[in-house]
């Protein structure tokens, strides 16, 4: 669990299925991340089991729920994923649209990056984003990641921009 001035990042549980169902079907998620085919609470539970919960067990990290201290409301998700098509964990974040523009994504992602570089000991962290997602690109740059190259998405359907942070010289 991570705490910042305004937020707590905590592991997801199956009790978060309702939140996840809503987030995965937000127009911004569908546009910038893609349709995960999750349309029921049972599918959202399965998505959590096969995604974040499996990642915690396998890698010791994963996406986490982002909760506002002030209200206790879950407003987004942030964390690391180890994707088969990338050579290092990548950081990701998504927030409900009513909480955009408040600096919450930067606050959460900064805490996740600090844990990745510190206690997790990661020397390379990646991120992918769509070319038209300028807000995400700006946030990644602010976090210290730099554009590295263009890659194809895992499904091969679109081109993504790959950003990277690396400690020390390139391998």
N, C-alpha and C. Protein backbone atom coordinates (compact mmCIF):
# COMPACT_ATOMS: atom_id res chain seq x y z
N UNK A 1 0.85 -1.18 0.00
CA UNK A 1 0.00 0.00 0.00
C UNK A 1 0.89 1.24 0.00
N UNK A 2 0.53 2.21 -0.80
CA UNK A 2 1.24 3.48 -0.86
C UNK A 2 0.31 4.60 -0.43
N UNK A 3 0.86 5.58 0.27
CA UNK A 3 0.09 6.76 0.64
C UNK A 3 0.80 7.99 0.14
N UNK A 4 0.01 8.91 -0.42
CA UNK A 4 0.53 10.21 -0.84
C UNK A 4 -0.26 11.27 -0.07
N UNK A 5 -0.07 12.51 -0.42
CA UNK A 5 -0.78 13.58 0.28
C UNK A 5 -2.30 13.42 0.18
N UNK A 6 -2.80 13.01 -0.98
CA UNK A 6 -4.25 12.92 -1.18
C UNK A 6 -4.77 11.52 -1.45
N UNK A 7 -3.87 10.56 -1.68
CA UNK A 7 -4.28 9.27 -2.21
C UNK A 7 -3.71 8.08 -1.44
N UNK A 8 -4.42 6.98 -1.54
CA UNK A 8 -3.89 5.67 -1.14
C UNK A 8 -3.95 4.78 -2.36
N UNK A 9 -2.85 4.11 -2.67
CA UNK A 9 -2.82 3.08 -3.70
C UNK A 9 -2.81 1.76 -2.96
N UNK A 10 -3.83 0.95 -3.19
CA UNK A 10 -3.96 -0.32 -2.49
C UNK A 10 -4.26 -1.43 -3.48
N UNK A 11 -3.89 -2.65 -3.15
CA UNK A 11 -4.18 -3.76 -4.06
C UNK A 11 -5.68 -3.88 -4.32
N UNK A 12 -6.01 -4.23 -5.54
CA UNK A 12 -7.40 -4.52 -5.88
C UNK A 12 -7.85 -5.80 -5.19
N UNK A 13 -9.14 -5.89 -4.93
CA UNK A 13 -9.78 -7.11 -4.48
C UNK A 13 -10.99 -7.35 -5.38
N UNK A 14 -11.61 -8.49 -5.25
CA UNK A 14 -12.81 -8.76 -6.05
C UNK A 14 -13.94 -7.81 -5.71
N UNK A 15 -13.90 -7.21 -4.53
CA UNK A 15 -14.91 -6.23 -4.14
C UNK A 15 -14.85 -4.97 -5.01
N UNK A 16 -13.77 -4.80 -5.77
CA UNK A 16 -13.62 -3.64 -6.66
C UNK A 16 -14.19 -3.89 -8.05
N UNK A 17 -14.90 -4.99 -8.24
CA UNK A 17 -15.42 -5.34 -9.57
C UNK A 17 -16.36 -4.26 -10.11
N UNK A 18 -17.19 -3.67 -9.29
CA UNK A 18 -18.11 -2.62 -9.75
C UNK A 18 -17.36 -1.41 -10.28
N UNK A 19 -16.34 -0.99 -9.55
CA UNK A 19 -15.51 0.12 -10.02
C UNK A 19 -14.84 -0.25 -11.34
N UNK A 20 -14.26 -1.44 -11.40
CA UNK A 20 -13.54 -1.86 -12.61
C UNK A 20 -14.48 -1.94 -13.81
N UNK A 21 -15.69 -2.43 -13.59
CA UNK A 21 -16.67 -2.50 -14.67
C UNK A 21 -16.93 -1.10 -15.24
N UNK A 22 -17.09 -0.13 -14.36
CA UNK A 22 -17.32 1.24 -14.82
C UNK A 22 -16.11 1.79 -15.56
N UNK A 23 -14.92 1.65 -14.97
CA UNK A 23 -13.71 2.21 -15.58
C UNK A 23 -13.45 1.62 -16.96
N UNK A 24 -13.57 0.31 -17.08
CA UNK A 24 -13.27 -0.37 -18.35
C UNK A 24 -14.24 0.01 -19.47
N UNK A 25 -15.37 0.60 -19.12
CA UNK A 25 -16.35 0.99 -20.12
C UNK A 25 -16.49 2.49 -20.29
N UNK A 26 -15.59 3.25 -19.66
CA UNK A 26 -15.57 4.70 -19.87
C UNK A 26 -15.11 4.99 -21.30
N UNK A 27 -15.70 5.99 -21.95
CA UNK A 27 -15.27 6.33 -23.31
C UNK A 27 -13.76 6.59 -23.43
N UNK A 28 -13.15 7.22 -22.43
CA UNK A 28 -11.71 7.48 -22.51
C UNK A 28 -10.91 6.19 -22.46
N UNK A 29 -11.34 5.21 -21.65
CA UNK A 29 -10.65 3.91 -21.60
C UNK A 29 -10.77 3.23 -22.97
N UNK A 30 -11.98 3.19 -23.49
CA UNK A 30 -12.22 2.53 -24.76
C UNK A 30 -11.41 3.17 -25.89
N UNK A 31 -11.28 4.48 -25.87
CA UNK A 31 -10.55 5.20 -26.91
C UNK A 31 -9.05 4.98 -26.81
N UNK A 32 -8.50 5.15 -25.62
CA UNK A 32 -7.04 5.16 -25.48
C UNK A 32 -6.44 3.81 -25.09
N UNK A 33 -7.21 2.94 -24.48
CA UNK A 33 -6.67 1.66 -24.02
C UNK A 33 -7.27 0.51 -24.81
N UNK A 34 -8.57 0.52 -24.97
CA UNK A 34 -9.21 -0.50 -25.80
C UNK A 34 -10.29 -1.26 -25.05
N UNK A 35 -11.17 -1.85 -25.81
CA UNK A 35 -12.29 -2.61 -25.26
C UNK A 35 -11.80 -3.95 -24.76
N UNK A 36 -11.99 -4.22 -23.49
CA UNK A 36 -11.57 -5.47 -22.87
C UNK A 36 -12.70 -6.50 -22.84
N UNK A 37 -13.85 -6.13 -23.39
CA UNK A 37 -14.97 -7.06 -23.45
C UNK A 37 -15.55 -7.39 -22.09
N UNK A 38 -15.47 -6.46 -21.17
CA UNK A 38 -15.98 -6.66 -19.80
C UNK A 38 -17.28 -5.88 -19.68
N UNK A 39 -18.40 -6.62 -19.55
CA UNK A 39 -19.70 -5.95 -19.53
C UNK A 39 -20.60 -6.38 -18.38
N UNK A 40 -20.10 -7.26 -17.52
CA UNK A 40 -20.87 -7.70 -16.35
C UNK A 40 -19.96 -7.72 -15.13
N UNK A 41 -20.57 -7.76 -13.95
CA UNK A 41 -19.78 -7.85 -12.72
C UNK A 41 -18.94 -9.12 -12.70
N UNK A 42 -19.49 -10.22 -13.17
CA UNK A 42 -18.74 -11.48 -13.20
C UNK A 42 -17.52 -11.36 -14.12
N UNK A 43 -17.68 -10.69 -15.25
CA UNK A 43 -16.54 -10.48 -16.15
C UNK A 43 -15.51 -9.56 -15.54
N UNK A 44 -15.97 -8.56 -14.78
CA UNK A 44 -15.04 -7.65 -14.10
C UNK A 44 -14.26 -8.39 -13.02
N UNK A 45 -14.92 -9.29 -12.30
CA UNK A 45 -14.22 -10.10 -11.30
C UNK A 45 -13.16 -10.97 -11.98
N UNK A 46 -13.51 -11.59 -13.08
CA UNK A 46 -12.57 -12.43 -13.83
C UNK A 46 -11.39 -11.58 -14.34
N UNK A 47 -11.68 -10.36 -14.81
CA UNK A 47 -10.64 -9.45 -15.28
C UNK A 47 -9.66 -9.15 -14.15
N UNK A 48 -10.18 -8.89 -12.96
CA UNK A 48 -9.31 -8.63 -11.81
C UNK A 48 -8.50 -9.88 -11.43
N UNK A 49 -9.15 -11.03 -11.41
CA UNK A 49 -8.46 -12.28 -11.05
C UNK A 49 -7.32 -12.57 -12.02
N UNK A 50 -7.57 -12.43 -13.30
CA UNK A 50 -6.58 -12.78 -14.31
C UNK A 50 -5.56 -11.67 -14.56
N UNK A 51 -5.87 -10.46 -14.09
CA UNK A 51 -4.98 -9.32 -14.29
C UNK A 51 -4.23 -8.97 -13.02
N UNK A 52 -4.75 -8.02 -12.29
CA UNK A 52 -4.05 -7.49 -11.11
C UNK A 52 -3.75 -8.56 -10.07
N UNK A 53 -4.73 -9.38 -9.72
CA UNK A 53 -4.52 -10.36 -8.66
C UNK A 53 -3.48 -11.40 -9.07
N UNK A 54 -3.52 -11.85 -10.31
CA UNK A 54 -2.51 -12.80 -10.80
C UNK A 54 -1.13 -12.15 -10.84
N UNK A 55 -1.06 -10.87 -11.20
CA UNK A 55 0.21 -10.16 -11.26
C UNK A 55 0.84 -10.02 -9.87
N UNK A 56 0.02 -9.73 -8.86
CA UNK A 56 0.56 -9.64 -7.49
C UNK A 56 1.25 -10.96 -7.13
N UNK A 57 0.59 -12.08 -7.43
CA UNK A 57 1.11 -13.39 -7.07
C UNK A 57 2.36 -13.74 -7.88
N UNK A 58 2.34 -13.41 -9.15
CA UNK A 58 3.44 -13.80 -10.04
C UNK A 58 4.64 -12.87 -9.98
N UNK A 59 4.39 -11.55 -9.90
CA UNK A 59 5.48 -10.58 -10.01
C UNK A 59 5.73 -9.77 -8.74
N UNK A 60 4.78 -9.77 -7.82
CA UNK A 60 4.93 -8.95 -6.62
C UNK A 60 4.51 -7.51 -6.83
N UNK A 61 3.91 -7.22 -7.97
CA UNK A 61 3.36 -5.89 -8.27
C UNK A 61 2.24 -6.05 -9.28
N UNK A 62 1.50 -4.96 -9.45
CA UNK A 62 0.40 -4.95 -10.41
C UNK A 62 -0.34 -3.63 -10.29
N UNK A 63 -1.40 -3.51 -11.07
CA UNK A 63 -2.22 -2.30 -10.97
C UNK A 63 -2.94 -2.29 -9.63
N UNK A 64 -3.09 -1.09 -9.08
CA UNK A 64 -3.74 -0.94 -7.78
C UNK A 64 -4.86 0.09 -7.87
N UNK A 65 -5.80 -0.03 -6.94
CA UNK A 65 -6.88 0.93 -6.83
C UNK A 65 -6.33 2.23 -6.25
N UNK A 66 -6.76 3.36 -6.79
CA UNK A 66 -6.37 4.66 -6.27
C UNK A 66 -7.57 5.25 -5.55
N UNK A 67 -7.40 5.50 -4.25
CA UNK A 67 -8.50 5.93 -3.39
C UNK A 67 -8.21 7.31 -2.83
N UNK A 68 -9.21 8.21 -2.88
CA UNK A 68 -9.07 9.54 -2.29
C UNK A 68 -9.16 9.44 -0.77
N UNK A 69 -8.19 10.02 -0.06
CA UNK A 69 -8.26 10.04 1.40
C UNK A 69 -9.52 10.74 1.88
N UNK A 70 -9.81 11.87 1.26
CA UNK A 70 -10.89 12.76 1.71
C UNK A 70 -12.26 12.06 1.75
N UNK A 71 -12.53 11.23 0.75
CA UNK A 71 -13.87 10.63 0.65
C UNK A 71 -13.88 9.10 0.73
N UNK A 72 -12.72 8.47 0.57
CA UNK A 72 -12.67 7.01 0.52
C UNK A 72 -13.10 6.44 -0.81
N UNK A 73 -13.34 7.30 -1.79
CA UNK A 73 -13.82 6.88 -3.11
C UNK A 73 -12.66 6.37 -3.96
N UNK A 74 -12.88 5.26 -4.65
CA UNK A 74 -11.92 4.76 -5.64
C UNK A 74 -12.11 5.58 -6.91
N UNK A 75 -11.04 6.25 -7.34
CA UNK A 75 -11.14 7.18 -8.45
C UNK A 75 -10.33 6.76 -9.68
N UNK A 76 -9.48 5.75 -9.51
CA UNK A 76 -8.66 5.33 -10.64
C UNK A 76 -7.86 4.10 -10.32
N UNK A 77 -6.94 3.81 -11.24
CA UNK A 77 -6.01 2.72 -11.05
C UNK A 77 -4.64 3.16 -11.53
N UNK A 78 -3.62 2.59 -10.93
CA UNK A 78 -2.25 2.95 -11.29
C UNK A 78 -1.34 1.82 -10.82
N UNK A 79 -0.27 1.61 -11.54
CA UNK A 79 0.70 0.61 -11.10
C UNK A 79 1.50 0.08 -12.27
N UNK A 80 2.09 -1.07 -12.04
CA UNK A 80 2.98 -1.70 -13.01
C UNK A 80 2.39 -3.00 -13.53
N UNK A 81 2.70 -3.30 -14.77
CA UNK A 81 2.33 -4.58 -15.37
C UNK A 81 3.56 -5.13 -16.09
N UNK A 82 3.71 -6.44 -16.07
CA UNK A 82 4.75 -7.08 -16.87
C UNK A 82 4.05 -7.73 -18.07
N UNK A 83 4.21 -7.12 -19.21
CA UNK A 83 3.54 -7.59 -20.41
C UNK A 83 4.50 -8.48 -21.21
N UNK A 84 3.94 -9.51 -21.82
CA UNK A 84 4.75 -10.48 -22.56
C UNK A 84 5.56 -9.83 -23.68
N UNK A 85 5.03 -8.78 -24.29
CA UNK A 85 5.68 -8.18 -25.44
C UNK A 85 6.66 -7.05 -25.09
N UNK A 86 6.87 -6.80 -23.79
CA UNK A 86 7.81 -5.76 -23.37
C UNK A 86 8.92 -6.37 -22.53
N UNK A 87 10.12 -5.81 -22.61
CA UNK A 87 11.27 -6.37 -21.90
C UNK A 87 11.44 -5.86 -20.47
N UNK A 88 10.51 -5.04 -20.02
CA UNK A 88 10.55 -4.51 -18.65
C UNK A 88 9.12 -4.18 -18.24
N UNK A 89 8.86 -4.07 -16.93
CA UNK A 89 7.52 -3.67 -16.49
C UNK A 89 7.15 -2.30 -17.04
N UNK A 90 5.85 -2.12 -17.27
CA UNK A 90 5.41 -0.79 -17.71
C UNK A 90 4.41 -0.22 -16.73
N UNK A 91 4.49 1.10 -16.61
CA UNK A 91 3.59 1.82 -15.71
C UNK A 91 2.35 2.24 -16.49
N UNK A 92 1.22 2.15 -15.81
CA UNK A 92 -0.03 2.55 -16.44
C UNK A 92 -0.93 3.22 -15.42
N UNK A 93 -1.89 3.96 -15.92
CA UNK A 93 -2.81 4.69 -15.06
C UNK A 93 -4.07 4.99 -15.84
N UNK A 94 -5.18 5.03 -15.13
CA UNK A 94 -6.47 5.40 -15.72
C UNK A 94 -7.35 5.90 -14.58
N UNK A 95 -8.07 6.98 -14.85
CA UNK A 95 -8.92 7.59 -13.83
C UNK A 95 -10.29 7.87 -14.38
N UNK A 96 -11.27 7.87 -13.50
CA UNK A 96 -12.61 8.25 -13.91
C UNK A 96 -12.58 9.69 -14.41
N UNK A 97 -13.33 10.01 -15.45
CA UNK A 97 -13.23 11.33 -16.08
C UNK A 97 -13.53 12.50 -15.14
N UNK A 98 -14.39 12.31 -14.16
CA UNK A 98 -14.69 13.43 -13.27
C UNK A 98 -13.53 13.78 -12.35
N UNK A 99 -12.48 12.99 -12.35
CA UNK A 99 -11.31 13.27 -11.52
C UNK A 99 -10.09 13.67 -12.34
N UNK A 100 -10.28 13.89 -13.63
CA UNK A 100 -9.20 14.32 -14.51
C UNK A 100 -8.84 15.78 -14.24
N UNK A 101 -7.61 16.13 -14.54
CA UNK A 101 -7.19 17.53 -14.45
C UNK A 101 -6.91 18.01 -13.04
N UNK A 102 -6.82 17.11 -12.09
CA UNK A 102 -6.56 17.50 -10.69
C UNK A 102 -5.17 17.09 -10.22
N UNK A 103 -4.36 16.53 -11.11
CA UNK A 103 -3.02 16.10 -10.74
C UNK A 103 -2.99 14.75 -10.02
N UNK A 104 -4.11 14.06 -9.97
CA UNK A 104 -4.15 12.79 -9.25
C UNK A 104 -3.34 11.71 -9.95
N UNK A 105 -3.39 11.66 -11.27
CA UNK A 105 -2.62 10.65 -12.01
C UNK A 105 -1.13 10.86 -11.79
N UNK A 106 -0.66 12.10 -11.83
CA UNK A 106 0.75 12.36 -11.59
C UNK A 106 1.14 11.98 -10.16
N UNK A 107 0.30 12.32 -9.21
CA UNK A 107 0.58 11.99 -7.80
C UNK A 107 0.67 10.48 -7.61
N UNK A 108 -0.28 9.74 -8.16
CA UNK A 108 -0.28 8.28 -8.03
C UNK A 108 0.90 7.66 -8.78
N UNK A 109 1.12 8.10 -10.01
CA UNK A 109 2.19 7.52 -10.82
C UNK A 109 3.57 7.85 -10.25
N UNK A 110 3.73 9.03 -9.66
CA UNK A 110 5.01 9.37 -9.01
C UNK A 110 5.30 8.42 -7.86
N UNK A 111 4.28 8.10 -7.07
CA UNK A 111 4.45 7.16 -5.96
C UNK A 111 4.77 5.76 -6.49
N UNK A 112 4.09 5.34 -7.54
CA UNK A 112 4.36 4.03 -8.13
C UNK A 112 5.77 3.96 -8.71
N UNK A 113 6.23 5.02 -9.35
CA UNK A 113 7.59 5.06 -9.89
C UNK A 113 8.62 5.00 -8.76
N UNK A 114 8.37 5.73 -7.68
CA UNK A 114 9.31 5.73 -6.55
C UNK A 114 9.43 4.33 -5.96
N UNK A 115 8.32 3.62 -5.83
CA UNK A 115 8.37 2.25 -5.31
C UNK A 115 9.10 1.34 -6.30
N UNK A 116 8.85 1.52 -7.59
CA UNK A 116 9.49 0.68 -8.60
C UNK A 116 11.01 0.85 -8.58
N UNK A 117 11.46 2.09 -8.47
CA UNK A 117 12.89 2.36 -8.47
C UNK A 117 13.53 2.03 -7.13
N UNK A 118 12.77 2.18 -6.05
CA UNK A 118 13.29 1.94 -4.71
C UNK A 118 13.13 0.50 -4.27
N UNK A 119 12.08 0.20 -3.49
CA UNK A 119 11.92 -1.15 -2.94
C UNK A 119 11.88 -2.27 -3.97
N UNK A 120 11.31 -2.03 -5.15
CA UNK A 120 11.26 -3.10 -6.16
C UNK A 120 12.58 -3.24 -6.92
N UNK A 121 13.42 -2.19 -6.87
CA UNK A 121 14.74 -2.26 -7.48
C UNK A 121 14.75 -2.34 -9.00
N UNK A 122 13.73 -1.83 -9.65
CA UNK A 122 13.69 -1.88 -11.11
C UNK A 122 14.65 -0.85 -11.70
N UNK A 123 15.37 -1.27 -12.73
CA UNK A 123 16.33 -0.37 -13.38
C UNK A 123 15.81 0.16 -14.71
N UNK A 124 14.69 -0.41 -15.16
CA UNK A 124 14.07 0.04 -16.42
C UNK A 124 12.56 -0.07 -16.26
N UNK A 125 11.86 1.00 -16.63
CA UNK A 125 10.40 1.04 -16.57
C UNK A 125 9.92 1.61 -17.90
N UNK A 126 8.93 0.96 -18.46
CA UNK A 126 8.38 1.36 -19.75
C UNK A 126 6.96 1.88 -19.59
N UNK A 127 6.46 2.46 -20.66
CA UNK A 127 5.05 2.86 -20.75
C UNK A 127 4.70 2.92 -22.22
N UNK A 128 3.46 2.60 -22.52
CA UNK A 128 2.99 2.73 -23.90
C UNK A 128 1.77 3.64 -23.89
N UNK A 129 1.61 4.34 -24.99
CA UNK A 129 0.45 5.20 -25.15
C UNK A 129 0.14 5.36 -26.63
N UNK A 130 -1.08 5.70 -26.90
CA UNK A 130 -1.46 5.98 -28.28
C UNK A 130 -0.93 7.34 -28.69
N UNK A 131 -0.72 7.50 -29.97
CA UNK A 131 -0.15 8.74 -30.49
C UNK A 131 -1.05 9.95 -30.21
N UNK A 132 -2.37 9.74 -30.16
CA UNK A 132 -3.28 10.86 -29.95
C UNK A 132 -3.57 11.12 -28.47
N UNK A 133 -2.95 10.37 -27.57
CA UNK A 133 -3.17 10.58 -26.14
C UNK A 133 -2.11 11.54 -25.58
N UNK A 134 -2.29 12.81 -25.88
CA UNK A 134 -1.30 13.82 -25.52
C UNK A 134 -1.18 14.01 -24.01
N UNK A 135 -2.28 13.86 -23.28
CA UNK A 135 -2.23 14.01 -21.83
C UNK A 135 -1.34 12.93 -21.21
N UNK A 136 -1.46 11.71 -21.69
CA UNK A 136 -0.63 10.61 -21.19
C UNK A 136 0.84 10.86 -21.54
N UNK A 137 1.12 11.29 -22.74
CA UNK A 137 2.49 11.58 -23.15
C UNK A 137 3.12 12.65 -22.26
N UNK A 138 2.35 13.69 -21.98
CA UNK A 138 2.84 14.78 -21.13
C UNK A 138 3.14 14.26 -19.72
N UNK A 139 2.26 13.43 -19.18
CA UNK A 139 2.45 12.87 -17.85
C UNK A 139 3.68 11.96 -17.82
N UNK A 140 3.85 11.12 -18.83
CA UNK A 140 5.01 10.23 -18.86
C UNK A 140 6.31 11.03 -18.89
N UNK A 141 6.34 12.09 -19.67
CA UNK A 141 7.53 12.95 -19.71
C UNK A 141 7.79 13.60 -18.35
N UNK A 142 6.72 14.05 -17.71
CA UNK A 142 6.84 14.67 -16.39
C UNK A 142 7.38 13.68 -15.36
N UNK A 143 7.08 12.39 -15.55
CA UNK A 143 7.57 11.34 -14.66
C UNK A 143 9.02 10.96 -14.93
N UNK A 144 9.59 11.49 -16.02
CA UNK A 144 10.97 11.19 -16.35
C UNK A 144 11.17 10.12 -17.41
N UNK A 145 10.07 9.65 -18.02
CA UNK A 145 10.20 8.69 -19.10
C UNK A 145 10.39 9.46 -20.41
N UNK A 146 11.16 8.88 -21.32
CA UNK A 146 11.42 9.53 -22.60
C UNK A 146 10.95 8.64 -23.73
N UNK A 147 10.48 9.29 -24.80
CA UNK A 147 10.06 8.54 -25.98
C UNK A 147 11.24 7.73 -26.49
N UNK A 148 10.99 6.44 -26.76
CA UNK A 148 12.05 5.56 -27.25
C UNK A 148 11.83 5.15 -28.70
N UNK A 149 10.62 4.66 -29.00
CA UNK A 149 10.33 4.21 -30.36
C UNK A 149 8.85 3.88 -30.50
N UNK A 150 8.45 3.60 -31.73
CA UNK A 150 7.09 3.15 -32.02
C UNK A 150 7.09 1.62 -32.03
N UNK A 151 6.00 1.04 -31.49
CA UNK A 151 5.84 -0.41 -31.50
C UNK A 151 4.41 -0.75 -31.90
N UNK A 152 4.17 -2.00 -32.26
CA UNK A 152 2.83 -2.48 -32.54
C UNK A 152 2.20 -2.95 -31.24
N UNK A 153 0.90 -2.76 -31.09
CA UNK A 153 0.19 -3.26 -29.92
C UNK A 153 0.24 -4.79 -29.94
N UNK A 154 -0.03 -5.40 -28.79
CA UNK A 154 0.02 -6.85 -28.67
C UNK A 154 -0.89 -7.54 -29.68
N UNK A 155 -2.04 -6.93 -29.97
CA UNK A 155 -2.96 -7.53 -30.94
C UNK A 155 -2.62 -7.16 -32.38
N UNK A 156 -1.60 -6.30 -32.55
CA UNK A 156 -1.17 -5.91 -33.89
C UNK A 156 -2.07 -4.93 -34.60
N UNK A 157 -3.08 -4.42 -33.90
CA UNK A 157 -4.09 -3.57 -34.54
C UNK A 157 -3.74 -2.09 -34.59
N UNK A 158 -2.77 -1.66 -33.76
CA UNK A 158 -2.46 -0.23 -33.77
C UNK A 158 -1.01 0.00 -33.37
N UNK A 159 -0.54 1.18 -33.70
CA UNK A 159 0.80 1.57 -33.34
C UNK A 159 0.76 2.30 -32.00
N UNK A 160 1.75 2.03 -31.16
CA UNK A 160 1.87 2.68 -29.86
C UNK A 160 3.21 3.39 -29.77
N UNK A 161 3.26 4.40 -28.92
CA UNK A 161 4.51 5.06 -28.61
C UNK A 161 5.06 4.40 -27.35
N UNK A 162 6.33 4.00 -27.38
CA UNK A 162 6.98 3.39 -26.23
C UNK A 162 7.86 4.43 -25.55
N UNK A 163 7.62 4.62 -24.27
CA UNK A 163 8.42 5.51 -23.44
C UNK A 163 9.22 4.66 -22.46
N UNK A 164 10.39 5.17 -22.03
CA UNK A 164 11.22 4.40 -21.12
C UNK A 164 11.94 5.31 -20.14
N UNK A 165 12.12 4.77 -18.94
CA UNK A 165 13.02 5.33 -17.94
C UNK A 165 14.03 4.25 -17.64
N UNK A 166 15.27 4.64 -17.57
CA UNK A 166 16.30 3.65 -17.28
C UNK A 166 17.36 4.25 -16.37
N UNK A 167 17.74 3.45 -15.38
CA UNK A 167 18.81 3.84 -14.49
C UNK A 167 20.13 3.42 -15.12
N UNK A 168 21.06 4.34 -15.20
CA UNK A 168 22.37 4.00 -15.73
C UNK A 168 22.39 3.88 -17.24
N UNK A 169 23.48 3.33 -17.77
CA UNK A 169 23.63 3.23 -19.24
C UNK A 169 22.67 2.21 -19.84
N UNK A 170 22.36 2.39 -21.11
CA UNK A 170 21.50 1.45 -21.83
C UNK A 170 22.18 0.10 -21.95
N UNK A 171 21.37 -0.97 -21.95
CA UNK A 171 21.97 -2.31 -22.04
C UNK A 171 22.57 -2.55 -23.42
